[in-house]
Amino acid sequence: MGQAGSATPAPTGTPTSTPTPTGKPPGAIVIGIDAPATVGPGSSFTAQVTIGQVTGIAIGQFDLSFDPAVLTIDNVSPGADI
């Protein structure tokens, strides 16, 4: 007859994590930047910044950081909705 608690527990499998998308919180503002993934040296490109799912806003600010040794800004223009 064995003693209580003396049995060796059976090993369990290695735990693995399963990422679960959380989605965006209700009322969150969605910001997107549409630009090419790569651009050759000396080339020009357009990056379109979109801000969506916003209601009842009168003013806002968007800051874009970049390395001026690598990138120069030639022009900034408002979209059709501004």
Protein backbone atom coordinates (compact mmCIF):
# COMPACT_ATOMS: atom_id res chain seq x y z
CA MET A 1 0.00 0.00 0.00
CA GLY A 2 1.48 3.33 -1.06
CA GLN A 3 1.65 6.49 0.99
CA ALA A 4 -0.50 9.49 0.10
CA GLY A 5 1.41 12.18 -1.81
CA SER A 6 4.37 9.95 -2.65
CA ALA A 7 3.41 9.36 -6.27
CA THR A 8 5.41 11.31 -8.87
CA PRO A 9 3.10 13.41 -11.01
CA ALA A 10 3.11 12.72 -14.72
CA PRO A 11 4.94 15.41 -16.74
CA THR A 12 2.79 17.81 -18.71
CA GLY A 13 3.50 19.17 -22.17
CA THR A 14 5.54 22.33 -22.67
CA PRO A 15 3.26 25.35 -22.43
CA THR A 16 2.92 27.36 -25.60
CA SER A 17 1.44 30.80 -26.04
CA THR A 18 -1.20 31.51 -28.62
CA PRO A 19 -1.37 35.21 -29.56
CA THR A 20 -4.90 36.53 -29.45
CA PRO A 21 -5.63 39.74 -31.33
CA THR A 22 -7.28 42.21 -29.03
CA GLY A 23 -8.63 44.52 -31.71
CA LYS A 24 -8.94 48.21 -31.17
CA PRO A 25 -10.73 49.63 -28.18
CA PRO A 26 -14.14 51.18 -28.81
CA GLY A 27 -13.84 54.80 -29.93
CA ALA A 28 -10.16 54.46 -30.91
CA ILE A 29 -8.86 56.70 -33.68
CA VAL A 30 -7.29 54.83 -36.59
CA ILE A 31 -4.14 56.35 -38.16
CA GLY A 32 -2.53 54.92 -41.29
CA ILE A 33 0.46 55.84 -43.45
CA ASP A 34 0.46 54.67 -47.05
CA ALA A 35 4.01 54.90 -48.43
CA PRO A 36 6.33 52.65 -50.42
CA ALA A 37 8.36 50.14 -48.41
CA THR A 38 11.59 51.13 -50.18
CA VAL A 39 12.72 54.07 -52.30
CA GLY A 40 15.96 54.48 -54.19
CA PRO A 41 18.44 57.23 -53.29
CA GLY A 42 17.45 60.60 -54.79
CA SER A 43 13.93 59.37 -55.61
CA SER A 44 10.71 61.11 -54.66
CA PHE A 45 7.63 59.45 -53.22
CA THR A 46 4.30 60.36 -51.68
CA ALA A 47 3.23 59.25 -48.21
CA GLN A 48 -0.47 59.63 -47.50
CA VAL A 49 -1.48 59.91 -43.84
CA THR A 50 -5.07 58.95 -43.10
CA ILE A 51 -6.93 59.47 -39.85
CA GLY A 52 -10.23 57.66 -39.57
CA GLN A 53 -13.11 56.90 -37.26
CA VAL A 54 -13.09 60.41 -35.85
CA THR A 55 -16.28 62.31 -35.14
CA GLY A 56 -16.88 65.65 -33.51
CA ILE A 57 -13.31 66.92 -33.63
CA ALA A 58 -12.43 70.55 -34.34
CA ILE A 59 -8.62 70.47 -34.16
CA GLY A 60 -5.82 67.96 -33.86
CA GLN A 61 -2.09 67.55 -34.23
CA PHE A 62 -0.01 64.89 -35.92
CA ASP A 63 3.76 64.71 -35.37
CA LEU A 64 6.01 62.84 -37.77
CA SER A 65 9.62 62.17 -36.78
CA PHE A 66 12.30 61.48 -39.37
CA ASP A 67 16.06 61.70 -39.89
CA PRO A 68 16.73 64.87 -41.94
CA ALA A 69 20.08 63.42 -43.04
CA VAL A 70 18.13 60.69 -44.86
CA LEU A 71 14.81 62.32 -45.80
CA THR A 72 13.70 65.79 -46.85
CA ILE A 73 10.11 66.99 -46.93
CA ASP A 74 9.27 68.78 -50.19
CA ASN A 75 5.58 69.47 -49.69
CA VAL A 76 2.73 68.98 -47.23
CA SER A 77 -0.84 69.40 -48.39
CA PRO A 78 -4.21 68.88 -46.69
CA GLY A 79 -6.51 66.17 -47.97
CA ALA A 80 -9.94 66.74 -49.44
CA ASP A 81 -11.68 66.42 -46.06
CA ILE A 82 -9.78 69.32 -44.46
